[in-house]
């Protein structure tokens, strides 16, 4: 396609790794249709906001951000502004009504129609909103990678779990698994392009199933890809974490010793009201099985406090579970009502001040545990994948261990993109400090 006026695009991404992967996909679709990626938002003729709606705060933040950018149209009348992602999927045409400066709204499975939408805008100048009913797996389409060393590979889209607090199944649709052969092809291409560390993505990766291939099968296939060195995956659901998956993780040399396994609550009754599909006992038994099979595994989690009806005793169960399981790190949130979910209609809402108090207690507990676990790394030798220069000092490099910990150490920028053995000498917050021993 010939170079055209107004073809520089810029994508601003909010939310989870799935949104990052989707932005890479959208960038690829645009480049394939003659558009070019702008170096910054000021140079763009097309601005796309890829949005997150998992919590009300995230949605409010991105809507405010979009509104603040509308003044750009006064300086650049031909500028087009679009909204994609989960907020677009959830609010649809309401976004056009709330903000007259938005030119188009596309949901999470309409990205292939973006070039046609833009041509329609160029020809007719009419705002566009998709029908939000299609479902795509985006097979045979390689994303335009935004990272330099780590690649995201989407293996599933959508979710069938319908946790009572979660909006994702209503914005991302039902679960679909991509072809295993396509996933392996994309992983191989990423490795050949220099991405040695890949992350398999899905709302629930371990429920992957396509033509009889399960997630353990897929992990074994990707582990055989010669061009990559490390494999990660996120997010796992406890109810689908099988004995075979644990065995494959143990035996596969490229699968990293880390799992993110959301617990959400340490109380079985609350888990039932959340529609999580497992008990507190089942969860801690899974943690025991993981640590028995992979003693050096790092385990991180998600926890929600103040779920409707949560008593002080039920919150105490969560605190006790955190003390017992000693996660390497945790993402902790107070319950946020999401319109359209089952829990939005639950009674006995926990007062905001109590939710905040419980969250503070949980954060203080986990901060102490994380600090202790990181300090225990001192004296160990860790394999670090060097990803860049440290944010605090140009004389230091930063990278990640196989168990997903950030390490900073003195070194030359020529090491970026390589694997280095580093002796851990100190732990400062959630960062390990070290000195280089050898380059592999």
Protein backbone atom coordinates (compact mmCIF):
# COMPACT_ATOMS: atom_id res chain seq x y z
CA UNK A 1 0.00 0.00 0.00
CA UNK A 2 1.29 3.47 -0.87
CA UNK A 3 2.38 5.80 1.86
CA UNK A 4 -0.56 7.99 2.84
CA UNK A 5 -1.08 11.21 4.74
CA UNK A 6 -2.10 10.76 8.35
CA UNK A 7 -0.88 7.19 8.70
CA UNK A 8 1.15 7.44 11.92
CA UNK A 9 -0.45 5.57 14.81
CA UNK A 10 0.19 5.42 18.54
CA UNK A 11 -1.33 2.87 20.94
CA UNK A 12 -1.58 3.60 24.66
CA UNK A 13 -2.16 0.40 26.63
CA UNK A 14 -3.76 -0.11 30.04
CA UNK A 15 -4.29 -3.23 32.12
CA UNK A 16 -2.99 -6.77 31.96
CA UNK A 17 -0.50 -8.65 29.80
CA UNK A 18 -3.38 -9.72 27.55
CA UNK A 19 -3.94 -6.08 26.65
CA UNK A 20 -0.23 -5.66 25.91
CA UNK A 21 -0.42 -8.68 23.59
CA UNK A 22 -3.57 -7.30 21.95
CA UNK A 23 -1.87 -3.96 21.33
CA UNK A 24 0.97 -5.81 19.60
CA UNK A 25 -1.62 -7.60 17.48
CA UNK A 26 -3.38 -4.34 16.55
CA UNK A 27 -0.04 -2.74 15.67
CA UNK A 28 0.72 -5.63 13.34
CA UNK A 29 -2.68 -5.34 11.63
CA UNK A 30 -2.16 -1.61 11.09
CA UNK A 31 1.39 -2.01 9.74
CA UNK A 32 0.19 -4.71 7.35
CA UNK A 33 -2.30 -2.16 6.02
CA UNK A 34 0.16 0.63 5.34
CA UNK A 35 0.24 2.46 8.65
CA UNK A 36 3.42 3.34 10.52
CA UNK A 37 4.07 3.36 14.25
CA UNK A 38 4.71 6.82 15.71
CA UNK A 39 7.62 7.31 18.08
CA UNK A 40 5.41 9.22 20.52
CA UNK A 41 1.83 10.38 20.97
CA UNK A 42 2.59 13.93 19.75
CA UNK A 43 3.54 12.68 16.28
CA UNK A 44 0.47 10.48 15.84
CA UNK A 45 -2.37 11.01 13.37
CA UNK A 46 -4.24 8.10 14.94
CA UNK A 47 -4.36 7.50 18.69
CA UNK A 48 -5.79 4.25 20.04
CA UNK A 49 -6.49 3.65 23.71
CA UNK A 50 -6.49 -0.04 24.63
CA UNK A 51 -8.49 -0.11 27.84
CA UNK A 52 -9.00 -2.13 31.04
CA UNK A 53 -12.22 -2.49 33.02
CA UNK A 54 -11.29 -5.12 35.60
CA UNK A 55 -11.86 -2.58 38.40
CA UNK A 56 -13.91 0.61 38.44
CA UNK A 57 -10.83 2.67 39.29
CA UNK A 58 -9.04 1.37 36.17
CA UNK A 59 -12.05 2.23 33.99
CA UNK A 60 -12.44 5.72 35.47
CA UNK A 61 -8.73 6.39 35.02
CA UNK A 62 -8.64 5.54 31.34
CA UNK A 63 -11.86 7.44 30.54
CA UNK A 64 -10.37 10.49 32.24
CA UNK A 65 -7.16 10.05 30.25
CA UNK A 66 -9.06 9.87 26.95
CA UNK A 67 -11.00 13.03 27.80
CA UNK A 68 -7.77 14.89 28.57
CA UNK A 69 -6.39 14.07 25.12
CA UNK A 70 -9.31 15.55 23.16
CA UNK A 71 -7.66 18.98 23.06
CA UNK A 72 -5.20 17.58 20.51
CA UNK A 73 -7.92 17.73 17.86
CA UNK A 74 -7.82 21.54 17.91
CA UNK A 75 -4.18 21.52 16.78
CA UNK A 76 -4.60 18.53 14.45
CA UNK A 77 -8.11 18.45 12.90
CA UNK A 78 -7.42 15.25 10.95
CA UNK A 79 -6.47 13.38 14.16
CA UNK A 80 -8.55 10.28 14.84
CA UNK A 81 -9.04 8.86 18.33
CA UNK A 82 -10.30 5.32 18.95
CA UNK A 83 -11.05 3.19 21.99
CA UNK A 84 -10.55 -0.58 21.98
CA UNK A 85 -10.32 -3.28 24.66
CA UNK A 86 -12.49 -4.12 27.62
CA UNK A 87 -13.97 -0.67 28.33
CA UNK A 88 -14.96 -0.46 24.67
CA UNK A 89 -16.52 -3.92 24.86
CA UNK A 90 -18.41 -3.09 28.06
CA UNK A 91 -19.68 0.42 27.26
CA UNK A 92 -19.90 0.32 23.46
CA UNK A 93 -21.86 3.23 21.96
CA UNK A 94 -22.11 4.91 25.38
CA UNK A 95 -18.49 6.01 24.90
CA UNK A 96 -19.48 7.93 21.76
CA UNK A 97 -22.32 9.55 23.67
CA UNK A 98 -20.13 10.49 26.66
CA UNK A 99 -17.25 11.85 24.55
CA UNK A 100 -18.05 13.36 21.18
CA UNK A 101 -14.35 13.47 20.27
CA UNK A 102 -14.04 9.67 20.01
CA UNK A 103 -14.15 8.54 16.37
CA UNK A 104 -14.53 4.78 16.75
CA UNK A 105 -15.04 2.08 19.36
CA UNK A 106 -13.99 -1.54 18.78
CA UNK A 107 -14.39 -4.45 21.18
CA UNK A 108 -11.84 -7.16 21.97
CA UNK A 109 -12.70 -9.35 18.96
CA UNK A 110 -13.10 -6.75 16.22
CA UNK A 111 -9.46 -5.86 15.62
CA UNK A 112 -9.36 -7.34 12.12
CA UNK A 113 -12.03 -4.83 11.11
CA UNK A 114 -9.88 -1.84 12.17
CA UNK A 115 -8.45 -1.05 8.68
CA UNK A 116 -11.96 -1.10 7.20
CA UNK A 117 -13.21 1.12 10.03
CA UNK A 118 -10.45 3.65 9.33
CA UNK A 119 -11.15 3.63 5.58
CA UNK A 120 -14.83 4.21 6.34
CA UNK A 121 -13.92 7.19 8.51
CA UNK A 122 -11.63 8.62 5.81
CA UNK A 123 -14.29 8.27 3.11
CA UNK A 124 -17.42 9.28 4.99
CA UNK A 125 -16.30 10.91 8.22
CA UNK A 126 -18.90 8.91 10.12
CA UNK A 127 -18.16 7.64 13.62
CA UNK A 128 -18.15 3.87 13.99
CA UNK A 129 -19.03 1.42 16.73
CA UNK A 130 -18.72 -2.34 16.13
CA UNK A 131 -21.47 -4.84 16.91
CA UNK A 132 -19.33 -6.57 19.62
CA UNK A 133 -20.71 -10.02 18.77
CA UNK A 134 -17.88 -11.66 16.82
CA UNK A 135 -15.30 -14.03 18.31
CA UNK A 136 -11.77 -14.25 16.99
CA UNK A 137 -8.72 -16.34 17.81
CA UNK A 138 -6.48 -14.35 15.44
CA UNK A 139 -4.79 -17.39 13.95
CA UNK A 140 -2.01 -16.93 11.41
CA UNK A 141 -1.32 -13.35 12.48
CA UNK A 142 2.06 -12.51 14.01
CA UNK A 143 2.07 -9.57 16.46
CA UNK A 144 4.41 -6.61 16.20
CA UNK A 145 6.46 -7.08 19.38
CA UNK A 146 6.77 -4.04 21.63
CA UNK A 147 9.35 -5.55 23.99
CA UNK A 148 12.97 -6.20 23.19
CA UNK A 149 13.65 -9.46 24.99
CA UNK A 150 10.39 -10.91 26.33
CA UNK A 151 7.52 -12.03 24.09
CA UNK A 152 3.86 -12.64 24.94
CA UNK A 153 2.11 -15.47 23.09
CA UNK A 154 -1.66 -15.63 23.55
CA UNK A 155 -2.94 -19.22 23.77
CA UNK A 156 -6.56 -18.64 24.80
CA UNK A 157 -9.07 -15.81 24.60
CA UNK A 158 -12.08 -15.34 26.84
CA UNK A 159 -13.09 -17.10 30.05
CA UNK A 160 -15.72 -19.66 31.09
CA UNK A 161 -15.26 -19.42 34.86
CA UNK A 162 -17.72 -16.63 35.74
CA UNK A 163 -16.27 -15.82 39.14
CA UNK A 164 -19.03 -13.83 40.79
CA UNK A 165 -16.91 -10.67 41.17
CA UNK A 166 -15.31 -10.64 37.71
CA UNK A 167 -16.34 -8.70 34.61
CA UNK A 168 -13.88 -10.47 32.28
CA UNK A 169 -16.23 -13.19 30.86
CA UNK A 170 -18.70 -10.44 29.94
CA UNK A 171 -16.07 -8.37 28.13
CA UNK A 172 -13.74 -11.08 26.76
CA UNK A 173 -16.42 -13.64 25.86
CA UNK A 174 -16.38 -17.42 26.13
CA UNK A 175 -13.08 -19.27 26.23
CA UNK A 176 -11.45 -20.24 22.92
CA UNK A 177 -8.12 -22.03 22.55
CA UNK A 178 -5.81 -21.37 19.62
CA UNK A 179 -4.37 -24.19 17.54
CA UNK A 180 -1.33 -25.73 19.20
CA UNK A 181 0.55 -25.67 15.90
CA UNK A 182 -0.03 -21.90 15.61
CA UNK A 183 1.17 -21.29 19.16
CA UNK A 184 4.32 -23.32 18.55
CA UNK A 185 4.91 -21.48 15.26
CA UNK A 186 4.58 -18.10 16.99
CA UNK A 187 6.88 -19.18 19.82
CA UNK A 188 9.48 -20.37 17.32
CA UNK A 189 9.28 -17.11 15.36
CA UNK A 190 9.67 -15.10 18.57
CA UNK A 191 12.77 -17.11 19.48
CA UNK A 192 14.28 -16.72 16.04
CA UNK A 193 13.69 -12.96 16.31
CA UNK A 194 15.78 -12.89 19.50
CA UNK A 195 13.12 -13.26 22.18
CA UNK A 196 14.57 -15.92 24.47
CA UNK A 197 11.94 -15.59 27.22
CA UNK A 198 8.28 -16.11 26.27
CA UNK A 199 5.09 -15.96 28.32
CA UNK A 200 2.02 -17.97 27.34
CA UNK A 201 -1.07 -15.88 28.04
CA UNK A 202 -4.72 -16.56 28.79
CA UNK A 203 -7.38 -15.68 31.34
CA UNK A 204 -6.97 -19.31 32.45
CA UNK A 205 -4.08 -20.95 30.64
CA UNK A 206 -4.35 -24.36 32.27
CA UNK A 207 -7.85 -24.96 30.89
CA UNK A 208 -6.36 -24.79 27.36
CA UNK A 209 -7.80 -27.49 25.11
CA UNK A 210 -7.80 -27.58 21.33
CA UNK A 211 -8.46 -30.75 19.30
CA UNK A 212 -7.51 -32.89 22.28
CA UNK A 213 -4.28 -31.02 23.08
CA UNK A 214 -4.29 -29.93 26.72
CA UNK A 215 -2.11 -27.33 28.44
CA UNK A 216 0.47 -29.89 29.64
CA UNK A 217 0.67 -31.16 26.03
CA UNK A 218 1.19 -27.61 24.79
CA UNK A 219 3.92 -26.92 27.35
CA UNK A 220 5.80 -30.01 26.18
CA UNK A 221 5.52 -28.87 22.55
CA UNK A 222 6.76 -25.35 23.30
CA UNK A 223 9.55 -26.76 25.47
CA UNK A 224 10.89 -28.48 22.33
CA UNK A 225 11.27 -25.16 20.47
CA UNK A 226 15.03 -24.77 20.12
CA UNK A 227 15.10 -20.99 19.61
CA UNK A 228 13.73 -20.12 23.06
CA UNK A 229 15.26 -20.65 26.48
CA UNK A 230 12.61 -19.77 29.05
CA UNK A 231 8.85 -20.39 29.21
CA UNK A 232 6.45 -18.69 31.58
CA UNK A 233 2.65 -18.73 31.70
CA UNK A 234 -0.08 -16.66 33.28
CA UNK A 235 -2.75 -16.87 34.67
CA UNK A 236 -3.48 -20.30 36.17
CA UNK A 237 -6.69 -21.32 37.92
CA UNK A 238 -6.40 -23.62 40.97
CA UNK A 239 -9.35 -25.79 39.93
CA UNK A 240 -7.56 -26.74 36.68
CA UNK A 241 -4.05 -27.28 38.06
CA UNK A 242 -3.61 -31.00 37.42
CA UNK A 243 -1.03 -33.48 38.69
CA UNK A 244 0.14 -33.92 35.10
CA UNK A 245 0.72 -30.19 34.69
CA UNK A 246 2.87 -30.17 37.84
CA UNK A 247 4.80 -33.15 36.48
CA UNK A 248 5.39 -31.44 33.11
CA UNK A 249 6.55 -28.26 34.87
CA UNK A 250 9.00 -30.36 36.89
CA UNK A 251 10.44 -32.20 33.89
CA UNK A 252 10.53 -29.40 31.29
CA UNK A 253 13.89 -27.66 31.42
CA UNK A 254 12.65 -24.42 29.83
CA UNK A 255 9.58 -23.97 32.04
CA UNK A 256 10.55 -21.47 34.72
CA UNK A 257 10.24 -22.17 38.44
CA UNK A 258 7.41 -19.73 39.01
CA UNK A 259 3.63 -19.89 39.02
CA UNK A 260 1.04 -17.20 39.60
CA UNK A 261 -1.90 -18.95 41.25
CA UNK A 262 -4.67 -16.61 42.47
CA UNK A 263 -6.03 -17.68 45.85
CA UNK A 264 -8.50 -14.76 46.27
CA UNK A 265 -9.56 -15.84 49.78
CA UNK A 266 -8.44 -18.23 52.50
CA UNK A 267 -12.01 -19.01 53.55
CA UNK A 268 -13.99 -21.78 51.84
CA UNK A 269 -17.39 -20.11 52.26
CA UNK A 270 -16.14 -16.91 50.64
CA UNK A 271 -14.53 -18.93 47.84
CA UNK A 272 -17.89 -20.60 47.25
CA UNK A 273 -19.64 -17.21 47.05
CA UNK A 274 -16.92 -16.10 44.65
CA UNK A 275 -17.69 -19.19 42.49
CA UNK A 276 -14.03 -20.17 42.46
CA UNK A 277 -14.61 -23.92 42.29
CA UNK A 278 -12.18 -25.02 45.02
CA UNK A 279 -11.90 -25.01 48.82
CA UNK A 280 -9.24 -23.42 50.98
CA UNK A 281 -7.91 -26.91 51.80
CA UNK A 282 -7.71 -27.84 48.11
CA UNK A 283 -5.71 -24.68 47.45
CA UNK A 284 -3.08 -25.18 50.14
CA UNK A 285 -2.74 -28.85 49.14
CA UNK A 286 -1.92 -27.66 45.61
CA UNK A 287 0.80 -25.40 47.02
CA UNK A 288 2.24 -28.35 48.93
CA UNK A 289 2.26 -30.49 45.76
CA UNK A 290 3.98 -27.74 43.78
CA UNK A 291 6.68 -27.29 46.41
CA UNK A 292 7.19 -31.03 46.81
CA UNK A 293 7.72 -31.42 43.06
CA UNK A 294 9.69 -28.18 42.52
CA UNK A 295 11.30 -27.19 45.85
CA UNK A 296 12.71 -23.89 44.56
CA UNK A 297 9.48 -22.73 42.91
CA UNK A 298 8.36 -19.13 43.48
CA UNK A 299 4.62 -18.76 44.00
CA UNK A 300 2.73 -15.50 43.67
CA UNK A 301 -0.98 -14.89 44.09
CA UNK A 302 -3.97 -12.53 44.02
CA UNK A 303 -6.15 -11.81 47.06
CA UNK A 304 -9.41 -9.85 47.45
CA UNK A 305 -10.48 -8.59 50.88
CA UNK A 306 -13.86 -7.21 51.90
CA UNK A 307 -15.94 -9.40 49.59
CA UNK A 308 -19.68 -8.95 50.34
CA UNK A 309 -20.55 -10.72 53.58
CA UNK A 310 -16.93 -11.34 54.61
CA UNK A 311 -16.80 -11.49 58.42
CA UNK A 312 -13.81 -10.67 60.57
CA UNK A 313 -13.31 -14.40 61.21
CA UNK A 314 -13.33 -15.14 57.46
CA UNK A 315 -10.78 -12.40 56.86
CA UNK A 316 -8.67 -13.92 59.64
CA UNK A 317 -8.73 -17.21 57.69
CA UNK A 318 -7.14 -15.38 54.76
CA UNK A 319 -4.49 -13.87 57.03
CA UNK A 320 -3.70 -17.31 58.47
CA UNK A 321 -3.48 -18.82 54.99
CA UNK A 322 -1.02 -16.12 53.93
CA UNK A 323 1.11 -16.86 57.01
CA UNK A 324 0.99 -20.58 56.29
CA UNK A 325 1.73 -20.49 52.54
CA UNK A 326 4.27 -17.63 52.55
CA UNK A 327 3.96 -16.43 48.98
CA UNK A 328 6.93 -14.77 47.30
CA UNK A 329 4.66 -11.84 46.44
CA UNK A 330 0.97 -11.04 46.20
CA UNK A 331 -1.30 -8.60 44.40
CA UNK A 332 -3.84 -7.54 47.02
CA UNK A 333 -7.04 -5.58 46.44
CA UNK A 334 -10.13 -4.48 48.30
CA UNK A 335 -13.34 -5.69 46.69
CA UNK A 336 -14.62 -3.40 43.94
CA UNK A 337 -18.19 -3.68 42.70
CA UNK A 338 -18.44 -4.30 38.95
CA UNK A 339 -21.82 -3.62 37.41
CA UNK A 340 -23.11 -6.67 35.55
CA UNK A 341 -21.46 -9.30 37.74
CA UNK A 342 -23.33 -11.63 40.07
CA UNK A 343 -21.65 -10.20 43.17
CA UNK A 344 -22.93 -6.71 42.33
CA UNK A 345 -26.31 -7.92 43.59
CA UNK A 346 -25.01 -9.46 46.82
CA UNK A 347 -26.17 -8.04 50.13
CA UNK A 348 -24.10 -7.38 53.27
CA UNK A 349 -21.57 -5.13 51.57
CA UNK A 350 -18.52 -4.60 53.75
CA UNK A 351 -18.10 -0.89 54.62
CA UNK A 352 -15.32 0.89 52.74
CA UNK A 353 -13.36 1.78 55.88
CA UNK A 354 -13.29 -1.89 56.96
CA UNK A 355 -12.18 -2.99 53.49
CA UNK A 356 -9.33 -0.49 53.61
CA UNK A 357 -8.35 -1.57 57.13
CA UNK A 358 -8.25 -5.24 56.13
CA UNK A 359 -6.26 -4.47 53.00
CA UNK A 360 -3.69 -2.54 55.02
CA UNK A 361 -3.30 -5.47 57.45
CA UNK A 362 -2.83 -7.93 54.59
CA UNK A 363 -0.31 -5.74 52.79
CA UNK A 364 1.72 -5.29 55.98
CA UNK A 365 1.77 -9.04 56.56
CA UNK A 366 2.78 -9.91 53.00
CA UNK A 367 5.41 -7.15 52.84
CA UNK A 368 7.16 -8.74 55.80
CA UNK A 369 6.99 -12.22 54.23
CA UNK A 370 8.28 -10.97 50.88
CA UNK A 371 11.14 -9.10 52.55
CA UNK A 372 12.20 -12.23 54.43
CA UNK A 373 11.99 -14.44 51.32
CA UNK A 374 14.06 -12.01 49.26
CA UNK A 375 16.69 -11.70 51.98
CA UNK A 376 16.98 -15.50 51.98
CA UNK A 377 18.27 -15.24 48.38
CA UNK A 378 21.52 -13.65 49.60
CA UNK A 379 24.51 -15.84 48.82
CA UNK A 380 22.76 -17.79 46.06
CA UNK A 381 23.89 -17.84 42.44
CA UNK A 382 21.06 -17.04 40.02
CA UNK A 383 20.81 -17.18 36.24
CA UNK A 384 19.76 -13.70 35.13
CA UNK A 385 18.36 -12.79 31.71
CA UNK A 386 19.68 -9.26 31.25
CA UNK A 387 16.90 -7.04 29.93
CA UNK A 388 18.30 -3.53 30.15
CA UNK A 389 20.06 -0.79 32.05
CA UNK A 390 18.88 -0.17 35.62
CA UNK A 391 16.40 2.69 36.02
CA UNK A 392 18.45 4.13 38.89
CA UNK A 393 22.00 3.88 37.51
CA UNK A 394 23.48 3.61 34.03
CA UNK A 395 26.40 1.71 35.58
CA UNK A 396 24.10 -1.16 36.51
CA UNK A 397 22.08 -3.69 34.54
CA UNK A 398 18.69 -5.19 35.34
CA UNK A 399 17.26 -8.59 34.54
CA UNK A 400 15.07 -11.42 35.78
CA UNK A 401 15.78 -14.79 37.33
CA UNK A 402 13.96 -17.95 36.33
CA UNK A 403 11.80 -17.53 39.43
CA UNK A 404 10.67 -14.06 38.28
CA UNK A 405 12.75 -11.89 40.59
CA UNK A 406 14.40 -8.66 39.45
CA UNK A 407 18.18 -8.53 39.88
CA UNK A 408 20.36 -5.41 39.55
CA UNK A 409 24.14 -5.71 39.22
CA UNK A 410 27.11 -3.69 37.87
CA UNK A 411 27.81 -4.44 34.24
CA UNK A 412 28.33 -3.22 30.70
CA UNK A 413 25.39 -2.68 28.31
CA UNK A 414 26.94 -5.26 25.94
CA UNK A 415 25.48 -7.91 28.25
CA UNK A 416 21.88 -6.89 27.49
CA UNK A 417 20.05 -9.82 25.91
CA UNK A 418 22.41 -12.43 27.35
CA UNK A 419 22.26 -14.82 30.29
CA UNK A 420 24.57 -14.09 33.20
CA UNK A 421 25.28 -15.95 36.45
CA UNK A 422 25.00 -13.49 39.32
CA UNK A 423 25.79 -13.97 43.01
CA UNK A 424 23.11 -12.29 45.13
CA UNK A 425 24.70 -9.97 47.68
CA UNK A 426 21.71 -8.05 49.05
CA UNK A 427 17.95 -7.56 48.87
CA UNK A 428 16.42 -4.09 48.84
CA UNK A 429 12.64 -4.16 48.80
CA UNK A 430 11.51 -6.37 45.93
CA UNK A 431 14.85 -6.10 44.12
CA UNK A 432 17.90 -8.33 44.47
CA UNK A 433 21.40 -6.86 44.20
CA UNK A 434 24.35 -8.90 43.00
CA UNK A 435 27.69 -9.22 41.25
CA UNK A 436 28.42 -10.94 37.95
CA UNK A 437 30.20 -14.29 38.10
CA UNK A 438 30.11 -15.42 34.48
CA UNK A 439 28.38 -14.97 31.15
CA UNK A 440 26.87 -18.09 29.57
